[in-house]
Amino acid sequence: VQLQASGGGLVQAGGSLRLSCTASGRPYSSYSLGWFRQPPGKEREFVAAINWGSGRTSYADSAKGRFTISRDRAQNTVFLQMDSLKLEDAAVYYCASRVGGPYVYHTSDYSSWGQGTLVTVSS
């Protein structure tokens, strides 16, 4: 599965942004798609993931209550709705896929990666 991320941009703190990740083909039900982010000078970290078949989700503590991951199976697209954005949410956001459930959080657990999309948060 090839992934294409989009939707990044500049937003003020407290604002919202929706990222999209479109797969080149229809993922199998056993696949999970996740979002990671990499702030400047830091390691890539898990944000959220969703299982394509069941829709079950998982979130990093930093994302709980503010971010929502969802999927549109007709469009082969996963979304990350980000609300109440903070300065520390600024990063390059990546989508990735894996075979298996969404309850894994390491980059090495994901086998296919899209290019990143930059999210900038201003004060």
C-alpha atoms as a PDB file:
ATOM      1  CA  VAL A   1       0.000   0.000   0.000  1.00  0.00           C
ATOM      2  CA  GLN A   2       1.352   3.391  -0.972  1.00  0.00           C
ATOM      3  CA  LEU A   3       0.290   6.314   1.162  1.00  0.00           C
ATOM      4  CA  GLN A   4      -0.110   9.995   0.389  1.00  0.00           C
ATOM      5  CA  ALA A   5      -0.461  12.439   3.255  1.00  0.00           C
ATOM      6  CA  SER A   6      -1.839  15.938   2.906  1.00  0.00           C
ATOM      7  CA  GLY A   7      -3.548  18.712   4.808  1.00  0.00           C
ATOM      8  CA  GLY A   8      -0.711  20.271   6.735  1.00  0.00           C
ATOM      9  CA  GLY A   9      -0.359  24.015   7.058  1.00  0.00           C
ATOM     10  CA  LEU A  10      -0.087  26.973   9.367  1.00  0.00           C
ATOM     11  CA  VAL A  11      -2.621  27.314  12.160  1.00  0.00           C
ATOM     12  CA  GLN A  12      -2.865  29.405  15.294  1.00  0.00           C
ATOM     13  CA  ALA A  13      -2.690  27.807  18.702  1.00  0.00           C
ATOM     14  CA  GLY A  14      -6.171  26.718  19.693  1.00  0.00           C
ATOM     15  CA  GLY A  15      -7.171  26.163  16.098  1.00  0.00           C
ATOM     16  CA  SER A  16      -7.961  23.031  14.126  1.00  0.00           C
ATOM     17  CA  LEU A  17      -6.552  21.170  11.165  1.00  0.00           C
ATOM     18  CA  ARG A  18      -7.501  17.974   9.390  1.00  0.00           C
ATOM     19  CA  LEU A  19      -4.896  15.738   7.849  1.00  0.00           C
ATOM     20  CA  SER A  20      -5.658  13.139   5.199  1.00  0.00           C
ATOM     21  CA  CYS A  21      -3.838   9.988   4.227  1.00  0.00           C
ATOM     22  CA  THR A  22      -4.970   8.291   1.034  1.00  0.00           C
ATOM     23  CA  ALA A  23      -3.952   4.750   0.173  1.00  0.00           C
ATOM     24  CA  SER A  24      -3.206   3.801  -3.413  1.00  0.00           C
ATOM     25  CA  GLY A  25      -5.317   0.701  -3.085  1.00  0.00           C
ATOM     26  CA  ARG A  26      -7.902  -0.590  -0.672  1.00  0.00           C
ATOM     27  CA  PRO A  27      -6.205  -1.760   2.511  1.00  0.00           C
ATOM     28  CA  TYR A  28      -7.121  -5.207   3.749  1.00  0.00           C
ATOM     29  CA  SER A  29      -9.295  -5.427   6.835  1.00  0.00           C
ATOM     30  CA  SER A  30      -6.305  -6.669   8.792  1.00  0.00           C
ATOM     31  CA  TYR A  31      -4.366  -3.480   8.127  1.00  0.00           C
ATOM     32  CA  SER A  32      -4.020  -0.606  10.528  1.00  0.00           C
ATOM     33  CA  LEU A  33      -3.124   2.911   9.510  1.00  0.00           C
ATOM     34  CA  GLY A  34      -1.403   5.237  11.878  1.00  0.00           C
ATOM     35  CA  TRP A  35      -0.191   8.791  12.234  1.00  0.00           C
ATOM     36  CA  PHE A  36       3.209   9.675  13.603  1.00  0.00           C
ATOM     37  CA  ARG A  37       4.867  13.026  13.986  1.00  0.00           C
ATOM     38  CA  GLN A  38       8.405  14.304  14.169  1.00  0.00           C
ATOM     39  CA  PRO A  39       9.033  17.667  15.797  1.00  0.00           C
ATOM     40  CA  PRO A  40      12.199  19.499  14.784  1.00  0.00           C
ATOM     41  CA  GLY A  41      15.244  17.860  16.304  1.00  0.00           C
ATOM     42  CA  LYS A  42      13.259  15.084  17.919  1.00  0.00           C
ATOM     43  CA  GLU A  43      12.426  11.478  17.210  1.00  0.00           C
ATOM     44  CA  ARG A  44       9.332  10.360  15.376  1.00  0.00           C
ATOM     45  CA  GLU A  45       6.507   9.554  17.766  1.00  0.00           C
ATOM     46  CA  PHE A  46       3.185   7.798  17.611  1.00  0.00           C
ATOM     47  CA  VAL A  47       0.013   9.897  17.507  1.00  0.00           C
ATOM     48  CA  ALA A  48      -2.943   7.669  16.643  1.00  0.00           C
ATOM     49  CA  ALA A  49      -3.907   4.574  14.703  1.00  0.00           C
ATOM     50  CA  ILE A  50      -7.030   2.898  13.373  1.00  0.00           C
ATOM     51  CA  ASN A  51      -7.760  -0.597  12.192  1.00  0.00           C
ATOM     52  CA  TRP A  52      -9.124  -0.521   8.655  1.00  0.00           C
ATOM     53  CA  GLY A  53     -11.594  -3.339   9.156  1.00  0.00           C
ATOM     54  CA  SER A  54     -12.939  -2.845  12.673  1.00  0.00           C
ATOM     55  CA  GLY A  55     -12.405   0.875  13.074  1.00  0.00           C
ATOM     56  CA  ARG A  56     -10.823   0.355  16.473  1.00  0.00           C
ATOM     57  CA  THR A  57      -8.531   3.185  17.440  1.00  0.00           C
ATOM     58  CA  SER A  58      -5.645   3.993  19.712  1.00  0.00           C
ATOM     59  CA  TYR A  59      -4.142   7.311  20.727  1.00  0.00           C
ATOM     60  CA  ALA A  60      -1.048   8.672  22.336  1.00  0.00           C
ATOM     61  CA  ASP A  61      -1.724  10.414  25.634  1.00  0.00           C
ATOM     62  CA  SER A  62      -0.831  13.723  24.008  1.00  0.00           C
ATOM     63  CA  ALA A  63      -3.596  13.232  21.434  1.00  0.00           C
ATOM     64  CA  LYS A  64      -6.404  11.933  23.609  1.00  0.00           C
ATOM     65  CA  GLY A  65      -9.329  14.320  23.836  1.00  0.00           C
ATOM     66  CA  ARG A  66      -7.999  16.638  21.129  1.00  0.00           C
ATOM     67  CA  PHE A  67      -7.327  14.483  18.063  1.00  0.00           C
ATOM     68  CA  THR A  68      -9.682  12.103  16.305  1.00  0.00           C
ATOM     69  CA  ILE A  69      -8.640   9.471  13.791  1.00  0.00           C
ATOM     70  CA  SER A  70     -11.214   8.131  11.372  1.00  0.00           C
ATOM     71  CA  ARG A  71     -11.418   6.382   8.029  1.00  0.00           C
ATOM     72  CA  ASP A  72     -13.491   6.620   4.904  1.00  0.00           C
ATOM     73  CA  ARG A  73     -13.428   3.211   3.320  1.00  0.00           C
ATOM     74  CA  ALA A  74     -14.989   4.430   0.086  1.00  0.00           C
ATOM     75  CA  GLN A  75     -12.171   6.932  -0.385  1.00  0.00           C
ATOM     76  CA  ASN A  76      -9.408   4.675   0.976  1.00  0.00           C
ATOM     77  CA  THR A  77      -8.546   7.583   3.238  1.00  0.00           C
ATOM     78  CA  VAL A  78      -7.706   8.004   6.900  1.00  0.00           C
ATOM     79  CA  PHE A  79      -8.183  11.375   8.565  1.00  0.00           C
ATOM     80  CA  LEU A  80      -6.644  12.959  11.605  1.00  0.00           C
ATOM     81  CA  GLN A  81      -8.803  15.753  12.967  1.00  0.00           C
ATOM     82  CA  MET A  82      -6.695  17.904  15.245  1.00  0.00           C
ATOM     83  CA  ASP A  83      -8.449  20.367  17.531  1.00  0.00           C
ATOM     84  CA  SER A  84      -7.197  22.688  20.257  1.00  0.00           C
ATOM     85  CA  LEU A  85      -3.764  22.665  18.700  1.00  0.00           C
ATOM     86  CA  LYS A  86      -0.815  23.583  20.862  1.00  0.00           C
ATOM     87  CA  LEU A  87       2.597  24.933  19.983  1.00  0.00           C
ATOM     88  CA  GLU A  88       4.079  21.549  20.823  1.00  0.00           C
ATOM     89  CA  ASP A  89       1.944  19.872  18.143  1.00  0.00           C
ATOM     90  CA  ALA A  90       4.079  21.488  15.465  1.00  0.00           C
ATOM     91  CA  ALA A  91       5.829  18.734  13.525  1.00  0.00           C
ATOM     92  CA  VAL A  92       6.034  16.853  10.278  1.00  0.00           C
ATOM     93  CA  TYR A  93       3.178  14.361  10.356  1.00  0.00           C
ATOM     94  CA  TYR A  94       3.513  10.992   8.662  1.00  0.00           C
ATOM     95  CA  CYS A  95       1.015   8.277   7.937  1.00  0.00           C
ATOM     96  CA  ALA A  96       2.004   4.644   7.934  1.00  0.00           C
ATOM     97  CA  SER A  97       0.459   1.230   7.614  1.00  0.00           C
ATOM     98  CA  ARG A  98       0.980  -2.178   9.141  1.00  0.00           C
ATOM     99  CA  VAL A  99      -0.557  -5.596   9.051  1.00  0.00           C
ATOM    100  CA  GLY A 100      -2.194  -6.085  12.401  1.00  0.00           C
ATOM    101  CA  GLY A 101      -3.978  -4.139  15.083  1.00  0.00           C
ATOM    102  CA  PRO A 102      -3.624  -0.472  15.990  1.00  0.00           C
ATOM    103  CA  TYR A 103      -2.264  -1.034  19.478  1.00  0.00           C
ATOM    104  CA  VAL A 104       1.420  -0.768  18.641  1.00  0.00           C
ATOM    105  CA  TYR A 105       3.320   2.454  18.866  1.00  0.00           C
ATOM    106  CA  HIS A 106       6.805   2.054  17.501  1.00  0.00           C
ATOM    107  CA  THR A 107       7.904   3.157  14.056  1.00  0.00           C
ATOM    108  CA  SER A 108       9.435  -0.271  13.496  1.00  0.00           C
ATOM    109  CA  ASP A 109       5.976  -1.835  13.763  1.00  0.00           C
ATOM    110  CA  TYR A 110       4.852  -0.053  10.602  1.00  0.00           C
ATOM    111  CA  SER A 111       6.111  -1.223   7.244  1.00  0.00           C
ATOM    112  CA  SER A 112       4.880   1.340   4.741  1.00  0.00           C
ATOM    113  CA  TRP A 113       5.221   5.100   5.061  1.00  0.00           C
ATOM    114  CA  GLY A 114       3.919   8.099   3.221  1.00  0.00           C
ATOM    115  CA  GLN A 115       5.736  11.362   2.807  1.00  0.00           C
ATOM    116  CA  GLY A 116       5.274  13.858   5.606  1.00  0.00           C
ATOM    117  CA  THR A 117       3.052  16.881   5.781  1.00  0.00           C
ATOM    118  CA  LEU A 118       4.172  19.873   7.810  1.00  0.00           C
ATOM    119  CA  VAL A 119       2.025  21.305  10.581  1.00  0.00           C
ATOM    120  CA  THR A 120       3.084  24.680  11.945  1.00  0.00           C
ATOM    121  CA  VAL A 121       1.398  26.141  15.004  1.00  0.00           C
ATOM    122  CA  SER A 122       1.783  29.837  15.753  1.00  0.00           C
ATOM    123  CA  SER A 123       1.158  31.665  18.995  1.00  0.00           C
END
